[in-house]
Amino acid sequence: MADEVKVVRDDEKHRYEVLVEGTVAGFTEFVADAGGRLIFPHTEIDPAFGGRGLGSLLIGRAMADVAARDETVVPVCPFVVKYLQQHEVPDLAIRWRPRDVEAAEAAPLEDRLPADEGVGTKRG
């Protein structure tokens, strides 16, 4: 039987969380800038949940939700940058910052992926 996986937006914590069987397995943080755009600076997946594609699932569903809310994304996290370069998200408004695209391109593979597939591992 497959685990139940959900992605939820937590506005109090300013992040989207990926839940596996009700447990937070990872998150991507956001903060609104002065223009109301959502800056996504960091994503992480708990290593205990690595290897399941949860980073891509998290970012894909978070970006779809942002698009549905008619909000604009400013991708700063290298994993979010790479995801958006490789995946079309219908109706998503993106404000690219060249320095973040360059940083994502130059990042070593292990720094591009949360746990197994995005930027950052669980902070401790």
N, C-alpha and C. Protein backbone atom coordinates (compact mmCIF):
# COMPACT_ATOMS: atom_id res chain seq x y z
N MET A 1 0.84 -1.18 0.00
CA MET A 1 0.00 0.00 0.00
C MET A 1 0.89 1.24 0.00
N ALA A 2 0.57 2.22 -0.84
CA ALA A 2 1.36 3.44 -0.96
C ALA A 2 1.06 4.39 0.20
N ASP A 3 2.09 5.12 0.62
CA ASP A 3 1.91 6.12 1.67
C ASP A 3 1.03 7.25 1.17
N GLU A 4 0.23 7.83 2.07
CA GLU A 4 -0.55 9.01 1.74
C GLU A 4 0.39 10.21 1.76
N VAL A 5 0.45 10.94 0.64
CA VAL A 5 1.32 12.11 0.51
C VAL A 5 0.46 13.31 0.15
N LYS A 6 0.62 14.39 0.94
CA LYS A 6 -0.12 15.62 0.69
C LYS A 6 0.84 16.79 0.73
N VAL A 7 0.51 17.84 -0.02
CA VAL A 7 1.24 19.10 0.05
C VAL A 7 0.26 20.15 0.53
N VAL A 8 0.65 20.87 1.58
CA VAL A 8 -0.22 21.89 2.17
C VAL A 8 0.55 23.20 2.30
N ARG A 9 -0.19 24.30 2.23
CA ARG A 9 0.40 25.62 2.45
C ARG A 9 0.13 26.02 3.90
N ASP A 10 1.20 26.43 4.58
CA ASP A 10 1.10 26.89 5.96
C ASP A 10 1.50 28.37 5.96
N ASP A 11 0.51 29.26 5.90
CA ASP A 11 0.80 30.69 5.83
C ASP A 11 1.42 31.22 7.11
N GLU A 12 1.12 30.61 8.26
CA GLU A 12 1.73 31.07 9.51
C GLU A 12 3.23 30.81 9.54
N LYS A 13 3.66 29.69 8.95
CA LYS A 13 5.09 29.36 8.90
C LYS A 13 5.74 29.84 7.60
N HIS A 14 4.94 30.39 6.69
CA HIS A 14 5.44 30.89 5.40
C HIS A 14 6.14 29.78 4.62
N ARG A 15 5.43 28.67 4.46
CA ARG A 15 6.02 27.57 3.70
C ARG A 15 4.94 26.61 3.22
N TYR A 16 5.33 25.81 2.23
CA TYR A 16 4.55 24.66 1.80
C TYR A 16 5.23 23.45 2.41
N GLU A 17 4.43 22.51 2.88
CA GLU A 17 4.97 21.29 3.49
C GLU A 17 4.50 20.07 2.71
N VAL A 18 5.36 19.09 2.61
CA VAL A 18 4.97 17.80 2.06
C VAL A 18 4.82 16.87 3.26
N LEU A 19 3.65 16.27 3.37
CA LEU A 19 3.33 15.38 4.48
C LEU A 19 3.23 13.95 3.97
N VAL A 20 3.86 13.03 4.68
CA VAL A 20 3.76 11.61 4.38
C VAL A 20 3.11 10.97 5.59
N GLU A 21 1.92 10.42 5.37
CA GLU A 21 1.16 9.82 6.47
C GLU A 21 1.03 10.80 7.65
N GLY A 22 0.86 12.09 7.34
CA GLY A 22 0.67 13.11 8.37
C GLY A 22 1.94 13.68 8.98
N THR A 23 3.10 13.15 8.61
CA THR A 23 4.38 13.62 9.13
C THR A 23 5.03 14.57 8.13
N VAL A 24 5.53 15.70 8.62
CA VAL A 24 6.22 16.65 7.73
C VAL A 24 7.52 16.00 7.26
N ALA A 25 7.60 15.76 5.95
CA ALA A 25 8.77 15.14 5.35
C ALA A 25 9.70 16.18 4.73
N GLY A 26 9.18 17.38 4.52
CA GLY A 26 10.00 18.44 3.94
C GLY A 26 9.17 19.68 3.74
N PHE A 27 9.85 20.74 3.30
CA PHE A 27 9.15 22.00 3.08
C PHE A 27 9.94 22.89 2.13
N THR A 28 9.24 23.87 1.58
CA THR A 28 9.86 24.95 0.83
C THR A 28 9.33 26.25 1.41
N GLU A 29 10.25 27.13 1.79
CA GLU A 29 9.88 28.38 2.44
C GLU A 29 9.59 29.46 1.42
N PHE A 30 8.73 30.41 1.82
CA PHE A 30 8.48 31.59 0.99
C PHE A 30 8.32 32.81 1.86
N VAL A 31 8.63 33.96 1.29
CA VAL A 31 8.44 35.25 1.96
C VAL A 31 7.98 36.24 0.89
N ALA A 32 7.02 37.06 1.24
CA ALA A 32 6.52 38.06 0.29
C ALA A 32 7.47 39.26 0.28
N ASP A 33 7.81 39.74 -0.92
CA ASP A 33 8.62 40.95 -1.01
C ASP A 33 7.71 42.18 -0.99
N ALA A 34 8.29 43.36 -1.11
CA ALA A 34 7.53 44.60 -1.04
C ALA A 34 6.45 44.69 -2.12
N GLY A 35 6.66 44.00 -3.23
CA GLY A 35 5.68 44.00 -4.32
C GLY A 35 4.65 42.89 -4.22
N GLY A 36 4.71 42.10 -3.14
CA GLY A 36 3.76 41.01 -2.96
C GLY A 36 4.14 39.72 -3.66
N ARG A 37 5.29 39.69 -4.32
CA ARG A 37 5.76 38.45 -4.97
C ARG A 37 6.29 37.50 -3.91
N LEU A 38 6.18 36.21 -4.16
CA LEU A 38 6.66 35.20 -3.21
C LEU A 38 8.07 34.75 -3.58
N ILE A 39 9.00 35.07 -2.71
CA ILE A 39 10.39 34.63 -2.87
C ILE A 39 10.52 33.26 -2.22
N PHE A 40 11.06 32.30 -2.95
CA PHE A 40 11.29 30.94 -2.44
C PHE A 40 12.79 30.76 -2.23
N PRO A 41 13.29 30.97 -0.97
CA PRO A 41 14.73 30.93 -0.73
C PRO A 41 15.31 29.57 -0.36
N HIS A 42 14.47 28.64 0.12
CA HIS A 42 15.04 27.40 0.66
C HIS A 42 14.03 26.26 0.59
N THR A 43 14.56 25.08 0.27
CA THR A 43 13.76 23.85 0.25
C THR A 43 14.57 22.77 0.93
N GLU A 44 13.91 21.95 1.72
CA GLU A 44 14.61 20.79 2.29
C GLU A 44 13.66 19.62 2.48
N ILE A 45 14.25 18.43 2.34
CA ILE A 45 13.55 17.17 2.57
C ILE A 45 14.32 16.42 3.64
N ASP A 46 13.61 15.94 4.64
CA ASP A 46 14.24 15.15 5.70
C ASP A 46 14.89 13.92 5.04
N PRO A 47 16.17 13.67 5.32
CA PRO A 47 16.85 12.52 4.72
C PRO A 47 16.13 11.20 4.93
N ALA A 48 15.36 11.07 6.00
CA ALA A 48 14.62 9.83 6.25
C ALA A 48 13.57 9.57 5.16
N PHE A 49 13.20 10.63 4.42
CA PHE A 49 12.21 10.50 3.36
C PHE A 49 12.83 10.64 1.97
N GLY A 50 14.15 10.59 1.89
CA GLY A 50 14.86 10.74 0.63
C GLY A 50 14.58 9.61 -0.35
N GLY A 51 14.83 9.88 -1.61
CA GLY A 51 14.71 8.86 -2.65
C GLY A 51 13.31 8.60 -3.13
N ARG A 52 12.35 9.41 -2.73
CA ARG A 52 10.95 9.19 -3.10
C ARG A 52 10.42 10.24 -4.09
N GLY A 53 11.26 11.19 -4.48
CA GLY A 53 10.81 12.23 -5.40
C GLY A 53 9.95 13.29 -4.72
N LEU A 54 10.05 13.39 -3.40
CA LEU A 54 9.19 14.32 -2.67
C LEU A 54 9.53 15.78 -2.94
N GLY A 55 10.80 16.09 -3.21
CA GLY A 55 11.18 17.47 -3.52
C GLY A 55 10.49 17.97 -4.77
N SER A 56 10.52 17.17 -5.83
CA SER A 56 9.85 17.56 -7.08
C SER A 56 8.34 17.63 -6.90
N LEU A 57 7.78 16.70 -6.17
CA LEU A 57 6.34 16.71 -5.91
C LEU A 57 5.96 17.97 -5.14
N LEU A 58 6.73 18.29 -4.10
CA LEU A 58 6.49 19.47 -3.29
C LEU A 58 6.52 20.74 -4.13
N ILE A 59 7.58 20.93 -4.90
CA ILE A 59 7.71 22.15 -5.68
C ILE A 59 6.66 22.21 -6.77
N GLY A 60 6.38 21.10 -7.42
CA GLY A 60 5.35 21.09 -8.46
C GLY A 60 3.99 21.50 -7.94
N ARG A 61 3.59 20.94 -6.82
CA ARG A 61 2.28 21.28 -6.26
C ARG A 61 2.27 22.69 -5.66
N ALA A 62 3.36 23.11 -5.05
CA ALA A 62 3.43 24.47 -4.51
C ALA A 62 3.32 25.49 -5.64
N MET A 63 4.04 25.27 -6.73
CA MET A 63 3.99 26.21 -7.85
C MET A 63 2.60 26.24 -8.49
N ALA A 64 1.95 25.09 -8.59
CA ALA A 64 0.59 25.05 -9.13
C ALA A 64 -0.37 25.84 -8.24
N ASP A 65 -0.19 25.73 -6.93
CA ASP A 65 -1.04 26.47 -6.00
C ASP A 65 -0.79 27.98 -6.11
N VAL A 66 0.48 28.38 -6.21
CA VAL A 66 0.81 29.80 -6.37
C VAL A 66 0.18 30.33 -7.66
N ALA A 67 0.25 29.56 -8.73
CA ALA A 67 -0.37 29.98 -10.00
C ALA A 67 -1.88 30.12 -9.83
N ALA A 68 -2.52 29.18 -9.15
CA ALA A 68 -3.97 29.24 -8.95
C ALA A 68 -4.38 30.45 -8.12
N ARG A 69 -3.49 30.92 -7.26
CA ARG A 69 -3.76 32.09 -6.43
C ARG A 69 -3.41 33.39 -7.15
N ASP A 70 -2.91 33.27 -8.39
CA ASP A 70 -2.52 34.43 -9.20
C ASP A 70 -1.41 35.24 -8.54
N GLU A 71 -0.47 34.52 -7.91
CA GLU A 71 0.67 35.15 -7.27
C GLU A 71 1.90 34.97 -8.17
N THR A 72 2.93 35.77 -7.93
CA THR A 72 4.16 35.70 -8.70
C THR A 72 5.26 35.08 -7.85
N VAL A 73 6.05 34.21 -8.46
CA VAL A 73 7.15 33.52 -7.81
C VAL A 73 8.47 34.19 -8.17
N VAL A 74 9.34 34.33 -7.16
CA VAL A 74 10.72 34.73 -7.37
C VAL A 74 11.57 33.55 -6.88
N PRO A 75 12.02 32.69 -7.81
CA PRO A 75 12.79 31.51 -7.39
C PRO A 75 14.22 31.90 -7.02
N VAL A 76 14.61 31.62 -5.79
CA VAL A 76 15.96 31.88 -5.30
C VAL A 76 16.65 30.56 -4.97
N CYS A 77 15.92 29.65 -4.33
CA CYS A 77 16.44 28.32 -4.02
C CYS A 77 16.88 27.64 -5.32
N PRO A 78 18.11 27.14 -5.39
CA PRO A 78 18.56 26.51 -6.63
C PRO A 78 17.68 25.35 -7.10
N PHE A 79 17.10 24.60 -6.17
CA PHE A 79 16.23 23.51 -6.59
C PHE A 79 14.96 24.04 -7.25
N VAL A 80 14.39 25.10 -6.70
CA VAL A 80 13.19 25.72 -7.29
C VAL A 80 13.54 26.28 -8.67
N VAL A 81 14.69 26.93 -8.77
CA VAL A 81 15.15 27.46 -10.07
C VAL A 81 15.22 26.33 -11.09
N LYS A 82 15.92 25.24 -10.74
CA LYS A 82 16.08 24.13 -11.68
C LYS A 82 14.74 23.50 -12.03
N TYR A 83 13.88 23.34 -11.04
CA TYR A 83 12.56 22.76 -11.30
C TYR A 83 11.81 23.60 -12.33
N LEU A 84 11.80 24.91 -12.12
CA LEU A 84 11.05 25.78 -13.03
C LEU A 84 11.68 25.89 -14.41
N GLN A 85 12.98 25.69 -14.50
CA GLN A 85 13.63 25.66 -15.80
C GLN A 85 13.25 24.40 -16.59
N GLN A 86 12.95 23.33 -15.87
CA GLN A 86 12.71 22.03 -16.51
C GLN A 86 11.24 21.64 -16.62
N HIS A 87 10.34 22.37 -15.94
CA HIS A 87 8.93 22.01 -15.91
C HIS A 87 8.05 23.22 -16.21
N GLU A 88 7.08 23.03 -17.04
CA GLU A 88 6.10 24.07 -17.33
C GLU A 88 5.01 24.03 -16.25
N VAL A 89 4.74 25.17 -15.66
CA VAL A 89 3.66 25.29 -14.67
C VAL A 89 2.65 26.25 -15.28
N PRO A 90 1.51 25.74 -15.74
CA PRO A 90 0.53 26.59 -16.41
C PRO A 90 0.14 27.81 -15.57
N ASP A 91 0.13 28.96 -16.23
CA ASP A 91 -0.32 30.23 -15.64
C ASP A 91 0.55 30.75 -14.50
N LEU A 92 1.73 30.19 -14.29
CA LEU A 92 2.59 30.67 -13.22
C LEU A 92 3.38 31.89 -13.70
N ALA A 93 3.29 32.99 -12.95
CA ALA A 93 4.08 34.19 -13.23
C ALA A 93 5.40 34.05 -12.47
N ILE A 94 6.52 34.16 -13.19
CA ILE A 94 7.85 33.99 -12.60
C ILE A 94 8.65 35.26 -12.81
N ARG A 95 9.28 35.73 -11.76
CA ARG A 95 10.21 36.87 -11.82
C ARG A 95 11.60 36.30 -11.62
N TRP A 96 12.33 36.11 -12.73
CA TRP A 96 13.67 35.52 -12.67
C TRP A 96 14.68 36.57 -12.22
N ARG A 97 15.59 36.18 -11.35
CA ARG A 97 16.72 37.01 -10.97
C ARG A 97 17.97 36.33 -11.54
N PRO A 98 18.65 36.98 -12.49
CA PRO A 98 19.79 36.33 -13.17
C PRO A 98 20.81 35.74 -12.21
N ARG A 99 21.11 36.40 -11.11
CA ARG A 99 22.14 35.87 -10.20
C ARG A 99 21.73 34.54 -9.59
N ASP A 100 20.42 34.33 -9.40
CA ASP A 100 19.96 33.06 -8.83
C ASP A 100 20.00 31.94 -9.85
N VAL A 101 19.72 32.27 -11.11
CA VAL A 101 19.84 31.28 -12.18
C VAL A 101 21.30 30.87 -12.33
N GLU A 102 22.19 31.85 -12.31
CA GLU A 102 23.63 31.55 -12.42
C GLU A 102 24.10 30.71 -11.23
N ALA A 103 23.66 31.04 -10.04
CA ALA A 103 24.06 30.27 -8.86
C ALA A 103 23.57 28.83 -8.95
N ALA A 104 22.35 28.64 -9.42
CA ALA A 104 21.80 27.28 -9.56
C ALA A 104 22.60 26.48 -10.58
N GLU A 105 23.00 27.13 -11.66
CA GLU A 105 23.78 26.44 -12.70
C GLU A 105 25.15 26.04 -12.17
N ALA A 106 25.73 26.88 -11.32
CA ALA A 106 27.09 26.63 -10.83
C ALA A 106 27.13 25.72 -9.60
N ALA A 107 25.98 25.50 -8.97
CA ALA A 107 25.96 24.70 -7.74
C ALA A 107 26.36 23.26 -8.02
N PRO A 108 27.20 22.67 -7.15
CA PRO A 108 27.49 21.25 -7.32
C PRO A 108 26.21 20.43 -7.13
N LEU A 109 26.15 19.28 -7.76
CA LEU A 109 24.94 18.47 -7.74
C LEU A 109 24.39 18.27 -6.34
N GLU A 110 25.24 17.97 -5.36
CA GLU A 110 24.73 17.71 -4.02
C GLU A 110 24.11 18.95 -3.38
N ASP A 111 24.45 20.15 -3.86
CA ASP A 111 23.85 21.37 -3.33
C ASP A 111 22.59 21.77 -4.09
N ARG A 112 22.28 21.10 -5.17
CA ARG A 112 21.10 21.43 -5.95
C ARG A 112 19.87 20.66 -5.50
N LEU A 113 20.05 19.68 -4.70
CA LEU A 113 18.97 18.74 -4.45
C LEU A 113 18.53 18.70 -2.98
N PRO A 114 17.15 18.88 -2.60
CA PRO A 114 16.82 18.73 -1.18
C PRO A 114 16.87 17.26 -0.84
N ALA A 115 17.73 16.93 0.05
CA ALA A 115 18.05 15.55 0.40
C ALA A 115 18.46 14.85 -0.88
N ASP A 116 17.56 14.11 -1.51
CA ASP A 116 17.95 13.38 -2.71
C ASP A 116 17.71 14.16 -3.98
N GLU A 117 16.87 15.19 -3.96
CA GLU A 117 16.62 15.86 -5.22
C GLU A 117 16.38 17.35 -5.12
N GLY A 118 16.85 18.03 -4.11
CA GLY A 118 16.68 19.48 -4.02
C GLY A 118 17.71 20.10 -3.11
N VAL A 119 17.62 21.38 -2.88
CA VAL A 119 18.64 22.07 -2.11
C VAL A 119 18.40 21.89 -0.63
N GLY A 120 19.44 21.53 0.07
CA GLY A 120 19.39 21.47 1.52
C GLY A 120 18.97 20.15 2.08
N THR A 121 19.46 19.89 3.24
CA THR A 121 18.99 18.75 4.02
C THR A 121 18.48 19.29 5.32
N LYS A 122 17.82 18.47 6.06
CA LYS A 122 17.21 18.92 7.31
C LYS A 122 18.24 19.60 8.19
N ARG A 123 17.89 20.81 8.59
CA ARG A 123 18.78 21.58 9.47
C ARG A 123 18.70 21.01 10.88
N GLY A 124 19.83 20.98 11.55
CA GLY A 124 19.79 20.43 12.89
C GLY A 124 20.58 21.20 13.88
